[in-house]
């Protein structure tokens, strides 16, 4: 397994920042993107270096690599319905998807009560489960405390700290 080098600075969303950047180009791209319902999904790109993430020539668009390798299919998404990032959505891919406030998480949650690696949504062969990763403040699903691993269905609510997410699947 490879070791990810920790950036000296990060933005409030947890994106690694180069020392020369005054603002986060990743957050600027998120602000300017179109709604997910109209977004064109392209094939996943290979992991890019920080230098390759710089502005794409001529367009002014920031190139951001997808975390999921090409072998991981799109399985669903979560939408934040309550919290700092209300209405923001995150794609979930086949296999484990980690939710937390750490910048390496698949779903980065800006919440003081969220753990670095708080919970995991696992998507395997159209079966979905959610599991708390020994977080300090626990995880709730549909208002009930989560203990162990639990099946997850389309429309279920996941609560992490003061943030609530609605799970949506492609198969249901």
N, C-alpha and C. Protein backbone atom coordinates (compact mmCIF):
# COMPACT_ATOMS: atom_id res chain seq x y z
N UNK A 1 0.85 -1.18 0.00
CA UNK A 1 0.00 0.00 0.00
C UNK A 1 0.90 1.24 0.00
N UNK A 2 0.52 2.25 -0.70
CA UNK A 2 1.33 3.45 -0.80
C UNK A 2 1.01 4.41 0.35
N UNK A 3 1.96 5.24 0.67
CA UNK A 3 1.77 6.26 1.69
C UNK A 3 1.47 7.58 1.02
N UNK A 4 0.41 8.23 1.40
CA UNK A 4 0.07 9.54 0.85
C UNK A 4 0.80 10.60 1.67
N UNK A 5 1.51 11.48 0.98
CA UNK A 5 2.23 12.55 1.64
C UNK A 5 1.23 13.62 2.07
N UNK A 6 1.28 14.01 3.32
CA UNK A 6 0.35 15.00 3.84
C UNK A 6 0.79 16.40 3.42
N UNK A 7 -0.17 17.19 2.92
CA UNK A 7 0.14 18.55 2.50
C UNK A 7 0.35 19.42 3.72
N UNK A 8 1.20 20.44 3.57
CA UNK A 8 1.46 21.35 4.66
C UNK A 8 0.22 22.18 4.98
N UNK A 9 -0.57 22.52 3.96
CA UNK A 9 -1.78 23.30 4.15
C UNK A 9 -2.94 22.60 3.46
N UNK A 10 -4.13 22.79 4.03
CA UNK A 10 -5.35 22.30 3.39
C UNK A 10 -6.40 23.39 3.49
N UNK A 11 -7.39 23.35 2.57
CA UNK A 11 -8.50 24.29 2.60
C UNK A 11 -9.55 23.76 3.59
N UNK A 12 -10.62 24.53 3.88
CA UNK A 12 -11.66 24.04 4.80
C UNK A 12 -12.31 22.73 4.34
N UNK A 13 -12.29 22.43 3.04
CA UNK A 13 -12.85 21.18 2.52
C UNK A 13 -11.88 20.01 2.68
N UNK A 14 -10.62 20.30 3.02
CA UNK A 14 -9.63 19.25 3.19
C UNK A 14 -8.77 18.99 1.97
N UNK A 15 -8.89 19.84 0.93
CA UNK A 15 -8.07 19.66 -0.26
C UNK A 15 -6.63 20.09 0.03
N UNK A 16 -5.62 19.36 -0.45
CA UNK A 16 -4.23 19.77 -0.24
C UNK A 16 -3.93 21.03 -1.05
N UNK A 17 -3.25 21.98 -0.43
CA UNK A 17 -2.93 23.24 -1.11
C UNK A 17 -1.43 23.40 -1.25
N UNK A 18 -1.00 23.86 -2.41
CA UNK A 18 0.39 24.20 -2.64
C UNK A 18 0.66 25.50 -1.87
N UNK A 19 1.86 25.67 -1.38
CA UNK A 19 2.21 26.87 -0.60
C UNK A 19 2.02 28.16 -1.39
N UNK A 20 2.10 28.10 -2.72
CA UNK A 20 1.99 29.31 -3.54
C UNK A 20 0.54 29.70 -3.85
N UNK A 21 -0.44 28.85 -3.54
CA UNK A 21 -1.84 29.13 -3.87
C UNK A 21 -2.50 29.99 -2.80
N UNK A 22 -3.20 31.03 -3.23
CA UNK A 22 -3.93 31.90 -2.30
C UNK A 22 -5.31 31.35 -2.00
N UNK A 23 -5.93 30.66 -2.98
CA UNK A 23 -7.23 30.05 -2.76
C UNK A 23 -7.24 28.66 -3.37
N UNK A 24 -8.19 27.85 -2.94
CA UNK A 24 -8.25 26.46 -3.37
C UNK A 24 -8.89 26.34 -4.76
N UNK A 25 -8.15 25.85 -5.78
CA UNK A 25 -8.73 25.72 -7.12
C UNK A 25 -9.79 24.61 -7.17
N UNK A 26 -9.71 23.63 -6.26
CA UNK A 26 -10.70 22.55 -6.24
C UNK A 26 -12.05 23.07 -5.77
N UNK A 27 -12.06 23.90 -4.72
CA UNK A 27 -13.31 24.49 -4.23
C UNK A 27 -13.91 25.42 -5.28
N UNK A 28 -13.06 26.16 -6.00
CA UNK A 28 -13.56 27.05 -7.05
C UNK A 28 -14.23 26.24 -8.14
N UNK A 29 -13.68 25.08 -8.47
CA UNK A 29 -14.29 24.22 -9.49
C UNK A 29 -15.62 23.68 -9.00
N UNK A 30 -15.71 23.32 -7.70
CA UNK A 30 -16.98 22.81 -7.14
C UNK A 30 -18.05 23.89 -7.18
N UNK A 31 -17.69 25.16 -6.89
CA UNK A 31 -18.66 26.25 -6.90
C UNK A 31 -19.21 26.50 -8.30
N UNK A 32 -18.34 26.33 -9.30
CA UNK A 32 -18.72 26.66 -10.67
C UNK A 32 -19.33 25.50 -11.45
N UNK A 33 -19.34 24.29 -10.86
CA UNK A 33 -19.82 23.14 -11.62
C UNK A 33 -21.33 23.15 -11.77
N UNK A 34 -21.80 22.41 -12.76
CA UNK A 34 -23.23 22.32 -13.00
C UNK A 34 -23.86 21.34 -12.03
N UNK A 35 -25.18 21.39 -11.82
CA UNK A 35 -25.82 20.43 -10.92
C UNK A 35 -25.57 19.00 -11.38
N UNK A 36 -25.52 18.07 -10.42
CA UNK A 36 -25.19 16.67 -10.72
C UNK A 36 -26.17 16.05 -11.70
N UNK A 37 -27.44 16.48 -11.70
CA UNK A 37 -28.43 15.88 -12.59
C UNK A 37 -28.10 16.14 -14.05
N UNK A 38 -27.40 17.24 -14.35
CA UNK A 38 -27.08 17.56 -15.73
C UNK A 38 -25.61 17.35 -16.05
N UNK A 39 -24.86 16.85 -15.08
CA UNK A 39 -23.43 16.66 -15.26
C UNK A 39 -23.15 15.46 -16.16
N UNK A 40 -22.21 15.61 -17.07
CA UNK A 40 -21.82 14.52 -17.95
C UNK A 40 -20.78 13.69 -17.20
N UNK A 41 -21.02 12.40 -17.08
CA UNK A 41 -20.08 11.52 -16.39
C UNK A 41 -19.13 10.95 -17.43
N UNK A 42 -17.84 11.22 -17.23
CA UNK A 42 -16.82 10.73 -18.14
C UNK A 42 -16.11 9.55 -17.50
N UNK A 43 -15.39 8.83 -18.30
CA UNK A 43 -14.62 7.70 -17.79
C UNK A 43 -13.61 8.21 -16.76
N UNK A 44 -13.37 7.45 -15.70
CA UNK A 44 -12.40 7.88 -14.69
C UNK A 44 -11.03 8.10 -15.32
N UNK A 45 -10.32 9.11 -14.80
CA UNK A 45 -8.99 9.43 -15.29
C UNK A 45 -7.95 8.82 -14.38
N UNK A 46 -6.73 8.68 -14.91
CA UNK A 46 -5.65 8.16 -14.08
C UNK A 46 -5.32 9.19 -13.00
N UNK A 47 -4.71 8.74 -11.92
CA UNK A 47 -4.32 9.62 -10.83
C UNK A 47 -3.28 10.61 -11.35
N UNK A 48 -3.52 11.90 -11.13
CA UNK A 48 -2.63 12.95 -11.62
C UNK A 48 -1.81 13.53 -10.49
N UNK A 49 -0.64 14.02 -10.82
CA UNK A 49 0.19 14.70 -9.83
C UNK A 49 -0.36 16.11 -9.61
N UNK A 50 0.13 16.76 -8.58
CA UNK A 50 -0.32 18.13 -8.29
C UNK A 50 -0.05 19.04 -9.46
N UNK A 51 1.08 18.87 -10.11
CA UNK A 51 1.41 19.72 -11.26
C UNK A 51 0.43 19.50 -12.41
N UNK A 52 -0.02 18.26 -12.60
CA UNK A 52 -0.96 17.97 -13.69
C UNK A 52 -2.37 18.48 -13.40
N UNK A 53 -2.66 18.76 -12.12
CA UNK A 53 -3.98 19.27 -11.77
C UNK A 53 -4.13 20.76 -12.05
N UNK A 54 -3.08 21.39 -12.49
CA UNK A 54 -3.13 22.82 -12.76
C UNK A 54 -4.11 23.10 -13.89
N UNK A 55 -4.32 24.34 -14.17
CA UNK A 55 -5.33 24.72 -15.14
C UNK A 55 -5.11 24.09 -16.50
N UNK A 56 -6.20 23.57 -17.06
CA UNK A 56 -6.17 22.97 -18.38
C UNK A 56 -5.99 24.12 -19.38
N UNK A 57 -5.09 23.98 -20.32
CA UNK A 57 -4.77 25.09 -21.22
C UNK A 57 -5.98 25.56 -22.01
N UNK A 58 -6.19 26.87 -21.98
CA UNK A 58 -7.23 27.50 -22.79
C UNK A 58 -8.62 27.51 -22.19
N UNK A 59 -8.96 26.61 -21.28
CA UNK A 59 -10.34 26.55 -20.79
C UNK A 59 -10.52 27.21 -19.44
N UNK A 60 -9.45 27.29 -18.64
CA UNK A 60 -9.56 27.84 -17.30
C UNK A 60 -10.17 26.84 -16.32
N UNK A 61 -10.45 25.61 -16.76
CA UNK A 61 -11.04 24.59 -15.89
C UNK A 61 -9.95 23.86 -15.13
N UNK A 62 -10.23 23.48 -13.91
CA UNK A 62 -9.27 22.75 -13.11
C UNK A 62 -9.46 21.27 -13.37
N UNK A 63 -8.38 20.57 -13.64
CA UNK A 63 -8.43 19.14 -13.86
C UNK A 63 -8.26 18.46 -12.50
N UNK A 64 -9.29 17.75 -12.06
CA UNK A 64 -9.24 17.06 -10.77
C UNK A 64 -9.36 15.57 -11.04
N UNK A 65 -8.41 14.77 -10.58
CA UNK A 65 -8.48 13.33 -10.84
C UNK A 65 -9.59 12.69 -10.02
N UNK A 66 -10.17 11.63 -10.55
CA UNK A 66 -11.16 10.87 -9.80
C UNK A 66 -10.39 9.92 -8.88
N UNK A 67 -10.89 9.72 -7.66
CA UNK A 67 -10.23 8.83 -6.73
C UNK A 67 -10.42 7.38 -7.11
N UNK A 68 -11.53 7.06 -7.74
CA UNK A 68 -11.85 5.67 -8.02
C UNK A 68 -11.14 5.18 -9.27
N UNK A 69 -10.49 4.02 -9.19
CA UNK A 69 -9.90 3.45 -10.39
C UNK A 69 -10.99 3.02 -11.36
N UNK A 70 -10.61 2.81 -12.60
CA UNK A 70 -11.58 2.47 -13.63
C UNK A 70 -12.37 1.20 -13.30
N UNK A 71 -11.81 0.31 -12.49
CA UNK A 71 -12.49 -0.94 -12.16
C UNK A 71 -13.65 -0.74 -11.20
N UNK A 72 -13.76 0.39 -10.57
CA UNK A 72 -14.85 0.64 -9.62
C UNK A 72 -15.99 1.34 -10.34
N UNK A 73 -17.13 0.67 -10.43
CA UNK A 73 -18.30 1.23 -11.11
C UNK A 73 -19.03 2.21 -10.19
N UNK A 74 -19.76 3.13 -10.77
CA UNK A 74 -20.57 4.06 -10.02
C UNK A 74 -21.74 3.29 -9.43
N UNK A 75 -21.94 3.39 -8.10
CA UNK A 75 -22.97 2.58 -7.44
C UNK A 75 -24.10 3.42 -6.86
N UNK A 76 -23.88 4.69 -6.64
CA UNK A 76 -24.91 5.55 -6.06
C UNK A 76 -24.30 6.86 -5.62
N UNK A 77 -24.97 7.53 -4.71
CA UNK A 77 -24.47 8.81 -4.23
C UNK A 77 -25.13 9.14 -2.90
N UNK A 78 -24.56 10.10 -2.19
CA UNK A 78 -25.17 10.66 -0.98
C UNK A 78 -25.31 12.16 -1.19
N UNK A 79 -26.40 12.70 -0.66
CA UNK A 79 -26.65 14.15 -0.74
C UNK A 79 -26.74 14.66 0.68
N UNK A 80 -26.01 15.73 0.98
CA UNK A 80 -26.09 16.33 2.31
C UNK A 80 -27.39 17.12 2.40
N UNK A 81 -28.26 16.73 3.32
CA UNK A 81 -29.55 17.40 3.49
C UNK A 81 -29.57 18.34 4.68
N UNK A 82 -28.60 18.20 5.58
CA UNK A 82 -28.50 19.11 6.72
C UNK A 82 -27.04 19.22 7.12
N UNK A 83 -26.56 20.45 7.29
CA UNK A 83 -25.17 20.67 7.67
C UNK A 83 -24.57 21.82 6.87
N UNK A 84 -23.25 21.98 7.00
CA UNK A 84 -22.55 23.09 6.34
C UNK A 84 -22.64 23.04 4.82
N UNK A 85 -22.70 21.85 4.24
CA UNK A 85 -22.69 21.71 2.79
C UNK A 85 -24.02 21.20 2.25
N UNK A 86 -25.13 21.72 2.76
CA UNK A 86 -26.46 21.27 2.34
C UNK A 86 -26.58 21.32 0.82
N UNK A 87 -27.17 20.28 0.25
CA UNK A 87 -27.40 20.07 -1.19
C UNK A 87 -26.16 19.65 -1.96
N UNK A 88 -25.03 19.47 -1.31
CA UNK A 88 -23.85 18.97 -2.00
C UNK A 88 -23.97 17.45 -2.10
N UNK A 89 -23.55 16.89 -3.23
CA UNK A 89 -23.64 15.44 -3.41
C UNK A 89 -22.27 14.85 -3.69
N UNK A 90 -22.14 13.57 -3.33
CA UNK A 90 -20.89 12.84 -3.52
C UNK A 90 -21.21 11.50 -4.17
N UNK A 91 -20.45 11.12 -5.17
CA UNK A 91 -20.63 9.84 -5.84
C UNK A 91 -20.05 8.73 -4.98
N UNK A 92 -20.71 7.58 -5.01
CA UNK A 92 -20.21 6.38 -4.34
C UNK A 92 -19.89 5.35 -5.41
N UNK A 93 -18.78 4.66 -5.25
CA UNK A 93 -18.34 3.67 -6.22
C UNK A 93 -18.40 2.28 -5.60
N UNK A 94 -18.36 1.27 -6.45
CA UNK A 94 -18.37 -0.11 -5.97
C UNK A 94 -17.24 -0.34 -4.99
N UNK A 95 -17.52 -1.07 -3.92
CA UNK A 95 -16.53 -1.32 -2.87
C UNK A 95 -16.72 -0.35 -1.72
N UNK A 96 -15.72 -0.24 -0.85
CA UNK A 96 -15.85 0.63 0.31
C UNK A 96 -15.71 2.11 -0.04
N UNK A 97 -16.55 2.95 0.58
CA UNK A 97 -16.50 4.40 0.45
C UNK A 97 -16.46 4.98 1.86
N UNK A 98 -15.35 5.63 2.22
CA UNK A 98 -15.18 6.15 3.57
C UNK A 98 -15.73 7.56 3.68
N UNK A 99 -16.51 7.81 4.76
CA UNK A 99 -17.07 9.12 5.04
C UNK A 99 -16.38 9.67 6.29
N UNK A 100 -15.98 10.93 6.27
CA UNK A 100 -15.33 11.54 7.42
C UNK A 100 -14.77 12.89 7.05
N UNK A 101 -14.08 13.51 8.00
CA UNK A 101 -13.54 14.84 7.70
C UNK A 101 -12.10 14.83 7.22
N UNK A 102 -11.51 13.66 7.11
CA UNK A 102 -10.15 13.55 6.58
C UNK A 102 -10.11 13.80 5.09
N UNK A 103 -9.08 14.48 4.59
CA UNK A 103 -9.01 14.81 3.16
C UNK A 103 -8.88 13.58 2.26
N UNK A 104 -8.48 12.43 2.80
CA UNK A 104 -8.35 11.23 1.97
C UNK A 104 -9.67 10.46 1.86
N UNK A 105 -10.71 10.89 2.56
CA UNK A 105 -12.01 10.21 2.53
C UNK A 105 -12.69 10.39 1.17
N UNK A 106 -13.53 9.43 0.80
CA UNK A 106 -14.30 9.52 -0.44
C UNK A 106 -15.39 10.58 -0.32
N UNK A 107 -15.95 10.73 0.88
CA UNK A 107 -16.96 11.75 1.16
C UNK A 107 -16.41 12.58 2.32
N UNK A 108 -15.97 13.81 2.01
CA UNK A 108 -15.39 14.69 3.03
C UNK A 108 -16.51 15.53 3.65
N UNK A 109 -16.66 15.40 4.97
CA UNK A 109 -17.73 16.08 5.70
C UNK A 109 -17.12 17.15 6.59
N UNK A 110 -17.60 18.39 6.41
CA UNK A 110 -17.12 19.49 7.25
C UNK A 110 -18.03 19.59 8.47
N UNK A 111 -17.67 18.92 9.54
CA UNK A 111 -18.47 18.90 10.76
C UNK A 111 -17.52 18.66 11.92
N UNK A 112 -17.58 19.51 12.93
CA UNK A 112 -16.68 19.39 14.08
C UNK A 112 -16.88 18.07 14.83
N UNK A 113 -18.07 17.49 14.77
CA UNK A 113 -18.35 16.24 15.48
C UNK A 113 -18.02 14.98 14.65
N UNK A 114 -17.60 15.16 13.42
CA UNK A 114 -17.24 14.01 12.57
C UNK A 114 -15.81 13.59 12.89
N UNK A 115 -15.57 12.29 12.86
CA UNK A 115 -14.22 11.76 13.05
C UNK A 115 -13.48 11.82 11.72
N UNK A 116 -12.17 11.66 11.80
CA UNK A 116 -11.33 11.70 10.60
C UNK A 116 -11.81 10.66 9.59
N UNK A 117 -12.01 9.43 10.04
CA UNK A 117 -12.62 8.34 9.26
C UNK A 117 -13.81 7.89 10.09
N UNK A 118 -14.99 8.37 9.76
CA UNK A 118 -16.16 8.22 10.63
C UNK A 118 -16.97 6.96 10.32
N UNK A 119 -17.34 6.76 9.07
CA UNK A 119 -18.20 5.63 8.68
C UNK A 119 -17.81 5.16 7.29
N UNK A 120 -18.36 3.99 6.91
CA UNK A 120 -18.08 3.45 5.60
C UNK A 120 -19.36 2.92 4.97
N UNK A 121 -19.59 3.28 3.71
CA UNK A 121 -20.68 2.71 2.93
C UNK A 121 -20.03 1.75 1.94
N UNK A 122 -20.44 0.49 2.00
CA UNK A 122 -19.87 -0.54 1.12
C UNK A 122 -20.90 -0.92 0.08
N UNK A 123 -20.52 -0.85 -1.19
CA UNK A 123 -21.42 -1.15 -2.31
C UNK A 123 -20.86 -2.36 -3.06
N UNK A 124 -21.55 -3.51 -2.94
CA UNK A 124 -21.10 -4.73 -3.60
C UNK A 124 -22.28 -5.46 -4.22
N UNK A 125 -22.22 -5.62 -5.55
CA UNK A 125 -23.23 -6.37 -6.30
C UNK A 125 -24.65 -5.96 -5.93
N UNK A 126 -24.94 -4.69 -5.99
CA UNK A 126 -26.27 -4.13 -5.71
C UNK A 126 -26.73 -4.36 -4.28
N UNK A 127 -25.82 -4.67 -3.37
CA UNK A 127 -26.13 -4.75 -1.94
C UNK A 127 -25.31 -3.67 -1.25
N UNK A 128 -25.95 -2.90 -0.40
CA UNK A 128 -25.31 -1.76 0.23
C UNK A 128 -25.34 -1.94 1.74
N UNK A 129 -24.22 -1.62 2.40
CA UNK A 129 -24.16 -1.67 3.86
C UNK A 129 -23.48 -0.41 4.36
N UNK A 130 -23.77 -0.06 5.61
CA UNK A 130 -23.12 1.07 6.26
C UNK A 130 -22.56 0.57 7.59
N UNK A 131 -21.39 1.10 7.95
CA UNK A 131 -20.72 0.66 9.17
C UNK A 131 -20.03 1.85 9.82
N UNK A 132 -20.15 1.97 11.14
CA UNK A 132 -19.46 3.00 11.88
C UNK A 132 -18.01 2.53 12.07
N UNK A 133 -17.04 3.43 11.88
CA UNK A 133 -15.63 3.07 11.99
C UNK A 133 -15.07 3.48 13.34
N UNK A 134 -15.76 3.08 14.41
CA UNK A 134 -15.36 3.39 15.80
C UNK A 134 -15.21 4.90 15.99
N UNK A 135 -16.17 5.66 15.47
CA UNK A 135 -16.13 7.11 15.60
C UNK A 135 -16.42 7.53 17.04
N UNK A 136 -15.97 8.70 17.38
CA UNK A 136 -16.13 9.19 18.74
C UNK A 136 -17.60 9.48 19.08
N UNK A 137 -18.35 10.07 18.15
CA UNK A 137 -19.74 10.47 18.42
C UNK A 137 -20.77 9.55 17.80
N UNK A 138 -20.35 8.49 17.13
CA UNK A 138 -21.27 7.52 16.58
C UNK A 138 -21.95 7.98 15.29
N UNK A 139 -22.67 7.05 14.70
CA UNK A 139 -23.39 7.28 13.45
C UNK A 139 -24.82 6.83 13.66
N UNK A 140 -25.78 7.53 13.05
CA UNK A 140 -27.18 7.15 13.13
C UNK A 140 -27.69 6.89 11.72
N UNK A 141 -28.58 5.89 11.59
CA UNK A 141 -29.23 5.60 10.32
C UNK A 141 -30.73 5.65 10.58
N UNK A 142 -31.41 6.54 9.86
CA UNK A 142 -32.85 6.76 10.03
C UNK A 142 -33.20 7.04 11.50
N UNK A 143 -32.33 7.78 12.18
CA UNK A 143 -32.57 8.19 13.56
C UNK A 143 -32.14 7.19 14.62
N UNK A 144 -31.75 5.98 14.24
CA UNK A 144 -31.35 4.94 15.19
C UNK A 144 -29.83 4.82 15.23
N UNK A 145 -29.26 4.65 16.43
CA UNK A 145 -27.80 4.47 16.53
C UNK A 145 -27.35 3.25 15.74
N UNK A 146 -26.23 3.38 15.06
CA UNK A 146 -25.69 2.30 14.25
C UNK A 146 -24.71 1.49 15.08
N UNK A 147 -24.98 0.19 15.16
CA UNK A 147 -24.07 -0.73 15.85
C UNK A 147 -23.71 -1.83 14.87
N UNK A 148 -22.44 -2.00 14.62
CA UNK A 148 -22.00 -3.00 13.66
C UNK A 148 -22.29 -2.57 12.24
N UNK A 149 -22.55 -3.54 11.37
CA UNK A 149 -22.85 -3.27 9.97
C UNK A 149 -24.34 -3.43 9.76
N UNK A 150 -24.90 -2.55 8.95
CA UNK A 150 -26.34 -2.57 8.71
C UNK A 150 -26.61 -2.42 7.21
N UNK A 151 -27.63 -3.14 6.68
CA UNK A 151 -28.00 -2.94 5.28
C UNK A 151 -28.49 -1.51 5.07
N UNK A 152 -28.25 -0.99 3.89
CA UNK A 152 -28.63 0.37 3.54
C UNK A 152 -29.52 0.32 2.32
N UNK A 153 -30.65 1.02 2.36
CA UNK A 153 -31.59 1.05 1.24
C UNK A 153 -31.69 2.46 0.68
N UNK A 154 -32.11 2.55 -0.56
CA UNK A 154 -32.30 3.83 -1.22
C UNK A 154 -33.20 4.73 -0.37
N UNK A 155 -32.76 5.95 -0.11
CA UNK A 155 -33.53 6.91 0.67
C UNK A 155 -33.20 6.94 2.14
N UNK A 156 -32.39 6.00 2.65
CA UNK A 156 -32.03 6.00 4.07
C UNK A 156 -31.25 7.27 4.41
N UNK A 157 -31.42 7.74 5.66
CA UNK A 157 -30.72 8.93 6.16
C UNK A 157 -29.58 8.49 7.06
N UNK A 158 -28.39 9.03 6.79
CA UNK A 158 -27.20 8.76 7.60
C UNK A 158 -26.85 10.05 8.32
N UNK A 159 -26.71 9.98 9.64
CA UNK A 159 -26.37 11.19 10.41
C UNK A 159 -24.99 11.01 11.04
N UNK A 160 -24.11 11.98 10.72
CA UNK A 160 -22.76 12.03 11.25
C UNK A 160 -22.60 13.39 11.91
N UNK A 161 -22.53 13.42 13.23
CA UNK A 161 -22.47 14.70 13.95
C UNK A 161 -23.74 15.49 13.68
N UNK A 162 -23.58 16.73 13.21
CA UNK A 162 -24.72 17.58 12.86
C UNK A 162 -25.05 17.52 11.37
N UNK A 163 -24.40 16.64 10.64
CA UNK A 163 -24.60 16.52 9.20
C UNK A 163 -25.48 15.30 8.90
N UNK A 164 -26.50 15.52 8.08
CA UNK A 164 -27.35 14.42 7.64
C UNK A 164 -27.21 14.23 6.14
N UNK A 165 -27.06 12.98 5.74
CA UNK A 165 -26.91 12.64 4.33
C UNK A 165 -28.03 11.69 3.93
N UNK A 166 -28.51 11.82 2.71
CA UNK A 166 -29.52 10.92 2.16
C UNK A 166 -28.81 10.02 1.16
N UNK A 167 -28.94 8.70 1.36
CA UNK A 167 -28.31 7.73 0.48
C UNK A 167 -29.22 7.44 -0.69
N UNK A 168 -28.64 7.44 -1.90
CA UNK A 168 -29.39 7.10 -3.12
C UNK A 168 -28.60 6.02 -3.86
N UNK A 169 -29.29 4.97 -4.31
CA UNK A 169 -28.60 3.90 -5.03
C UNK A 169 -29.06 3.86 -6.47
N UNK A 170 -28.23 3.28 -7.34
CA UNK A 170 -28.60 3.14 -8.74
C UNK A 170 -29.45 1.90 -8.98
N UNK A 171 -29.38 0.93 -8.07
CA UNK A 171 -30.05 -0.34 -8.34
C UNK A 171 -31.49 -0.40 -7.81
N UNK A 172 -31.86 0.39 -6.80
CA UNK A 172 -33.21 0.32 -6.22
C UNK A 172 -34.21 1.05 -7.07
